[in-house]
N, C-alpha and C. Protein backbone atom coordinates (compact mmCIF):
# COMPACT_ATOMS: atom_id res chain seq x y z
N MET A 1 -12.93 -123.40 32.28
CA MET A 1 -12.03 -123.35 33.61
C MET A 1 -11.84 -121.88 34.00
N ALA A 2 -12.02 -121.75 35.41
CA ALA A 2 -11.81 -120.31 35.91
C ALA A 2 -10.27 -120.32 36.17
N SER A 3 -10.07 -118.81 35.87
CA SER A 3 -8.34 -118.63 35.90
C SER A 3 -8.22 -118.47 37.67
N ARG A 4 -7.16 -118.82 37.78
CA ARG A 4 -6.76 -119.05 39.25
C ARG A 4 -5.99 -117.97 39.44
N ARG A 5 -6.27 -117.08 40.54
CA ARG A 5 -5.93 -115.98 41.09
C ARG A 5 -4.37 -115.96 41.80
N THR A 6 -3.57 -115.49 40.92
CA THR A 6 -2.15 -115.39 41.32
C THR A 6 -1.50 -114.26 41.76
N ARG A 7 -2.14 -113.17 41.59
CA ARG A 7 -1.48 -111.87 41.86
C ARG A 7 -1.91 -111.27 43.01
N ALA A 8 -1.42 -110.37 43.55
CA ALA A 8 -1.87 -109.83 44.90
C ALA A 8 -1.70 -108.22 44.85
N ILE A 9 -2.50 -107.63 45.40
CA ILE A 9 -2.62 -106.38 45.64
C ILE A 9 -2.82 -105.91 47.18
N GLY A 10 -1.81 -104.99 47.79
CA GLY A 10 -2.07 -104.69 49.33
C GLY A 10 -1.91 -103.38 49.64
N THR A 11 -2.51 -102.84 50.71
CA THR A 11 -2.71 -101.67 51.07
C THR A 11 -2.72 -101.40 52.64
N LYS A 12 -1.93 -100.46 53.16
CA LYS A 12 -2.05 -100.32 54.71
C LYS A 12 -3.47 -99.30 55.07
N VAL A 13 -4.09 -99.37 55.94
CA VAL A 13 -4.97 -98.36 56.21
C VAL A 13 -5.11 -98.02 57.71
N THR A 14 -5.76 -96.93 58.06
CA THR A 14 -5.82 -96.70 59.37
C THR A 14 -7.12 -97.43 60.11
N GLU A 15 -7.04 -97.46 61.20
CA GLU A 15 -8.02 -98.39 62.21
C GLU A 15 -9.39 -97.74 61.85
N GLU A 16 -9.62 -96.41 61.43
CA GLU A 16 -11.07 -95.82 61.14
C GLU A 16 -11.33 -96.24 59.72
N GLU A 17 -10.38 -96.06 58.79
CA GLU A 17 -10.59 -96.95 57.47
C GLU A 17 -11.11 -98.36 57.31
N TYR A 18 -10.24 -99.03 58.26
CA TYR A 18 -10.36 -100.52 58.53
C TYR A 18 -11.94 -100.84 58.82
N ALA A 19 -12.11 -99.95 59.70
CA ALA A 19 -13.64 -100.07 60.21
C ALA A 19 -14.73 -99.95 59.32
N ARG A 20 -14.39 -98.74 58.58
CA ARG A 20 -15.65 -98.30 57.52
C ARG A 20 -15.54 -99.52 56.46
N ILE A 21 -14.26 -100.03 56.26
CA ILE A 21 -14.31 -100.75 55.11
C ILE A 21 -14.85 -102.30 55.29
N ALA A 22 -14.67 -102.62 56.93
CA ALA A 22 -15.05 -103.71 57.21
C ALA A 22 -16.64 -103.42 57.45
N ALA A 23 -17.13 -102.44 57.68
CA ALA A 23 -18.74 -102.25 57.66
C ALA A 23 -19.40 -102.38 56.12
N LEU A 24 -18.63 -101.91 55.27
CA LEU A 24 -19.05 -101.85 53.92
C LEU A 24 -19.18 -103.39 53.22
N ALA A 25 -18.16 -104.08 53.90
CA ALA A 25 -18.09 -105.35 53.48
C ALA A 25 -19.13 -106.32 54.04
N GLY A 26 -19.93 -105.89 55.13
CA GLY A 26 -21.02 -106.59 55.59
C GLY A 26 -20.63 -108.03 55.91
N ALA A 27 -21.49 -108.87 55.28
CA ALA A 27 -21.06 -110.44 55.36
C ALA A 27 -20.01 -111.03 54.63
N GLN A 28 -19.63 -110.50 53.72
CA GLN A 28 -18.47 -110.73 52.86
C GLN A 28 -17.18 -110.54 53.42
N THR A 29 -16.25 -111.51 53.02
CA THR A 29 -15.10 -111.10 53.72
C THR A 29 -14.36 -109.58 53.13
N ILE A 30 -13.39 -109.00 54.04
CA ILE A 30 -12.99 -107.71 53.51
C ILE A 30 -12.32 -107.94 52.10
N SER A 31 -11.54 -109.19 51.89
CA SER A 31 -10.91 -109.28 50.85
C SER A 31 -11.85 -109.70 49.51
N GLU A 32 -12.72 -110.43 49.88
CA GLU A 32 -13.82 -110.61 48.83
C GLU A 32 -14.59 -108.94 48.41
N TRP A 33 -14.87 -108.14 49.40
CA TRP A 33 -15.43 -106.80 49.06
C TRP A 33 -14.24 -105.93 48.45
N ALA A 34 -13.06 -106.03 48.98
CA ALA A 34 -12.06 -105.23 48.20
C ALA A 34 -11.84 -105.42 46.98
N ARG A 35 -11.91 -106.84 46.35
CA ARG A 35 -11.53 -107.57 45.07
C ARG A 35 -12.83 -106.83 44.17
N ALA A 36 -13.98 -106.87 44.64
CA ALA A 36 -15.26 -106.46 43.76
C ALA A 36 -15.11 -104.96 43.73
N ALA A 37 -14.78 -104.09 44.78
CA ALA A 37 -14.60 -103.04 44.79
C ALA A 37 -13.49 -102.24 43.70
N LEU A 38 -12.28 -103.07 43.90
CA LEU A 38 -11.38 -102.51 43.03
C LEU A 38 -11.71 -103.00 41.36
N LEU A 39 -12.48 -104.10 41.06
CA LEU A 39 -12.77 -104.57 39.66
C LEU A 39 -13.94 -103.55 39.19
N ASP A 40 -14.83 -103.08 40.01
CA ASP A 40 -15.60 -102.18 39.81
C ASP A 40 -14.98 -100.66 39.38
N ALA A 41 -14.15 -100.55 39.87
CA ALA A 41 -13.25 -99.21 39.88
C ALA A 41 -12.52 -99.21 38.59
N ALA A 42 -12.09 -100.43 38.24
CA ALA A 42 -11.23 -100.85 37.21
C ALA A 42 -11.97 -100.87 35.85
N ALA A 43 -13.17 -101.19 35.91
CA ALA A 43 -14.17 -101.12 34.93
C ALA A 43 -14.20 -99.91 33.91
N PRO A 44 -14.41 -100.08 32.72
CA PRO A 44 -14.74 -99.00 31.75
C PRO A 44 -15.84 -98.11 32.50
N ALA A 45 -15.66 -96.79 32.53
CA ALA A 45 -17.04 -95.83 32.88
C ALA A 45 -18.06 -95.87 32.05
N SER A 46 -19.28 -96.33 32.45
CA SER A 46 -20.39 -95.68 31.68
C SER A 46 -20.78 -94.40 31.67
N GLU A 47 -20.30 -93.52 32.65
CA GLU A 47 -20.69 -91.99 32.60
C GLU A 47 -20.31 -91.26 31.28
N PRO A 48 -19.34 -91.54 30.79
CA PRO A 48 -19.25 -90.70 29.18
C PRO A 48 -20.48 -90.94 28.39
N LEU A 49 -20.91 -92.19 28.31
CA LEU A 49 -21.63 -92.77 27.34
C LEU A 49 -23.03 -91.99 27.70
N VAL A 50 -23.37 -92.30 29.18
CA VAL A 50 -24.84 -91.61 29.43
C VAL A 50 -24.68 -89.99 29.49
N LEU A 51 -23.70 -89.41 29.64
CA LEU A 51 -23.78 -88.08 29.34
C LEU A 51 -23.79 -87.51 28.01
N ALA A 52 -23.20 -88.30 27.17
CA ALA A 52 -23.15 -88.25 25.50
C ALA A 52 -24.63 -88.32 25.08
N GLU A 53 -25.49 -89.31 25.67
CA GLU A 53 -26.61 -89.44 25.18
C GLU A 53 -27.55 -88.28 25.89
N VAL A 54 -27.29 -87.98 26.93
CA VAL A 54 -28.29 -86.85 27.68
C VAL A 54 -28.17 -85.49 26.96
N LEU A 55 -26.82 -85.45 26.67
CA LEU A 55 -26.46 -83.93 25.86
C LEU A 55 -26.88 -84.02 24.58
N ALA A 56 -27.05 -85.21 23.89
CA ALA A 56 -27.54 -85.37 22.39
C ALA A 56 -29.05 -84.97 22.46
N LEU A 57 -29.94 -85.68 23.65
CA LEU A 57 -31.41 -85.45 23.94
C LEU A 57 -31.62 -83.93 24.33
N ARG A 58 -30.74 -83.58 25.06
CA ARG A 58 -30.84 -81.90 25.17
C ARG A 58 -30.57 -81.15 24.11
N ALA A 59 -29.70 -81.46 23.31
CA ALA A 59 -29.77 -80.66 22.04
C ALA A 59 -30.60 -80.74 21.32
N ILE A 60 -31.43 -82.00 20.73
CA ILE A 60 -32.59 -82.20 19.98
C ILE A 60 -33.74 -81.28 20.63
N VAL A 61 -33.95 -81.63 22.09
CA VAL A 61 -35.13 -80.80 22.72
C VAL A 61 -34.92 -79.33 22.70
N LEU A 62 -33.73 -78.73 22.78
CA LEU A 62 -33.74 -77.23 22.72
C LEU A 62 -33.90 -76.70 21.37
N ASN A 63 -33.14 -77.43 20.47
CA ASN A 63 -33.37 -77.26 18.80
C ASN A 63 -34.87 -77.12 18.58
N LEU A 64 -35.52 -78.22 18.91
CA LEU A 64 -36.93 -78.15 18.57
C LEU A 64 -37.77 -77.17 19.17
N HIS A 65 -37.61 -76.76 20.61
CA HIS A 65 -38.06 -75.96 21.39
C HIS A 65 -38.22 -74.65 20.34
N PHE A 66 -36.87 -74.11 20.19
CA PHE A 66 -36.53 -72.92 19.64
C PHE A 66 -37.44 -72.80 18.23
N ARG A 67 -37.10 -74.02 17.51
CA ARG A 67 -37.96 -73.90 16.29
C ARG A 67 -39.51 -74.06 16.23
N ILE A 68 -40.05 -74.30 17.13
CA ILE A 68 -41.27 -74.27 17.40
C ILE A 68 -41.73 -72.97 17.85
N CYS A 69 -41.03 -72.20 18.99
CA CYS A 69 -41.21 -71.05 19.49
C CYS A 69 -40.93 -69.80 18.36
N ALA A 70 -40.38 -70.15 17.10
CA ALA A 70 -40.23 -69.37 16.19
C ALA A 70 -41.32 -69.58 15.16
N GLY A 71 -42.21 -70.61 15.21
CA GLY A 71 -43.11 -70.67 14.35
C GLY A 71 -43.05 -71.36 13.36
N GLU A 72 -41.84 -72.31 13.22
CA GLU A 72 -41.70 -73.14 12.02
C GLU A 72 -42.43 -74.67 12.19
N ARG A 73 -42.65 -75.22 11.23
CA ARG A 73 -43.31 -76.43 11.01
C ARG A 73 -42.24 -77.55 11.10
N ILE A 74 -42.17 -78.49 11.96
CA ILE A 74 -41.17 -79.31 12.03
C ILE A 74 -41.60 -80.39 11.23
N THR A 75 -40.69 -80.87 10.43
CA THR A 75 -40.70 -81.88 9.19
C THR A 75 -39.97 -83.17 9.58
N GLU A 76 -40.35 -84.41 9.10
CA GLU A 76 -39.49 -85.41 9.28
C GLU A 76 -38.03 -85.22 8.82
N GLN A 77 -37.81 -84.64 8.01
CA GLN A 77 -36.47 -84.19 7.51
C GLN A 77 -35.64 -83.57 8.44
N MET A 78 -36.33 -82.80 8.92
CA MET A 78 -35.63 -81.86 10.00
C MET A 78 -35.61 -82.78 11.34
N MET A 79 -36.26 -83.25 11.66
CA MET A 79 -35.98 -84.24 12.79
C MET A 79 -34.90 -84.99 12.40
N HIS A 80 -34.73 -85.76 11.54
CA HIS A 80 -33.32 -86.62 11.03
C HIS A 80 -32.47 -85.84 10.97
N GLU A 81 -32.29 -84.42 10.59
CA GLU A 81 -31.12 -83.65 10.63
C GLU A 81 -30.80 -83.36 12.10
N LEU A 82 -31.90 -83.01 12.79
CA LEU A 82 -31.38 -82.72 14.43
C LEU A 82 -30.73 -83.94 14.96
N ILE A 83 -31.41 -85.11 14.76
CA ILE A 83 -30.79 -86.27 15.54
C ILE A 83 -29.52 -86.49 14.94
N ALA A 84 -29.32 -86.54 13.79
CA ALA A 84 -28.04 -86.69 13.09
C ALA A 84 -26.66 -85.62 13.50
N HIS A 85 -27.18 -84.31 13.76
CA HIS A 85 -26.24 -83.49 14.11
C HIS A 85 -25.94 -83.63 15.80
N ALA A 86 -26.85 -84.11 16.54
CA ALA A 86 -26.55 -84.33 17.93
C ALA A 86 -25.97 -85.76 17.80
N ASP A 87 -26.40 -86.64 17.50
CA ASP A 87 -25.53 -87.85 17.15
C ASP A 87 -24.15 -87.57 16.89
N HIS A 88 -23.64 -86.85 15.86
CA HIS A 88 -22.49 -86.34 15.62
C HIS A 88 -21.56 -85.92 16.69
N GLU A 89 -22.27 -84.73 17.42
CA GLU A 89 -21.29 -84.03 18.27
C GLU A 89 -21.61 -84.64 19.58
N LYS A 90 -22.31 -85.45 19.98
CA LYS A 90 -22.38 -85.77 21.38
C LYS A 90 -21.18 -86.48 22.21
N PHE A 91 -20.35 -87.00 21.59
CA PHE A 91 -19.15 -87.62 22.16
C PHE A 91 -18.23 -86.47 22.52
N GLU A 92 -17.98 -85.68 21.52
CA GLU A 92 -17.34 -84.53 21.72
C GLU A 92 -17.57 -83.65 22.80
N HIS A 93 -19.15 -83.25 22.84
CA HIS A 93 -19.36 -82.46 23.86
C HIS A 93 -19.33 -83.06 25.37
N ALA A 94 -19.49 -84.30 25.41
CA ALA A 94 -19.48 -84.91 26.53
C ALA A 94 -17.91 -84.97 26.99
N ARG A 95 -17.07 -85.21 26.15
CA ARG A 95 -15.57 -85.20 26.49
C ARG A 95 -15.32 -83.81 27.04
N GLN A 96 -15.69 -82.99 26.65
CA GLN A 96 -15.40 -81.51 26.64
C GLN A 96 -15.87 -81.04 28.22
N ARG A 97 -17.05 -81.23 28.70
CA ARG A 97 -17.90 -81.54 29.65
C ARG A 97 -17.10 -81.93 30.99
N LEU A 98 -16.80 -83.49 30.65
CA LEU A 98 -15.97 -84.18 31.74
C LEU A 98 -14.59 -83.59 32.07
N ALA A 99 -14.00 -82.88 30.75
CA ALA A 99 -12.72 -82.26 30.72
C ALA A 99 -12.92 -81.12 31.73
N SER A 100 -13.83 -80.31 31.49
CA SER A 100 -13.84 -79.15 32.15
C SER A 100 -14.37 -79.43 33.57
N ALA A 101 -15.24 -80.45 34.09
CA ALA A 101 -15.59 -80.87 35.44
C ALA A 101 -14.08 -81.38 36.04
N ASP A 102 -13.20 -81.94 35.53
CA ASP A 102 -11.80 -82.48 35.98
C ASP A 102 -10.80 -81.10 36.39
N ARG A 103 -11.31 -80.03 35.67
CA ARG A 103 -10.50 -78.92 36.20
C ARG A 103 -11.11 -78.16 37.30
N ARG A 104 -12.13 -78.33 37.54
CA ARG A 104 -12.99 -77.55 38.62
C ARG A 104 -12.23 -77.76 40.06
N PRO A 105 -12.07 -76.83 40.59
CA PRO A 105 -11.53 -76.97 42.01
C PRO A 105 -12.55 -77.92 43.04
N SER A 106 -12.05 -78.83 43.73
CA SER A 106 -13.09 -79.54 44.62
C SER A 106 -13.71 -78.87 45.92
């Protein structure tokens, strides 16, 4: 059984903002579009997870590159260690990067 919508959220906009929102809504009612936009904005962001995975991959690739350039033979054990280290650090590195980006002036 679907939940009944009983709460409302409202805001005032300028004529220009309203026209922009109406254009974005397209065939949807503005109410339908606004509900979807608000729920999308309120959803947990996947950006930190994607950033963490990219940073882990970056760490693995760079460490491999440096070791290969140094003439080291890469073993299966080394690969497991590189992956484990990157996985262990990835969320902290992503948190630091995102915090740093939040402090940058626009």
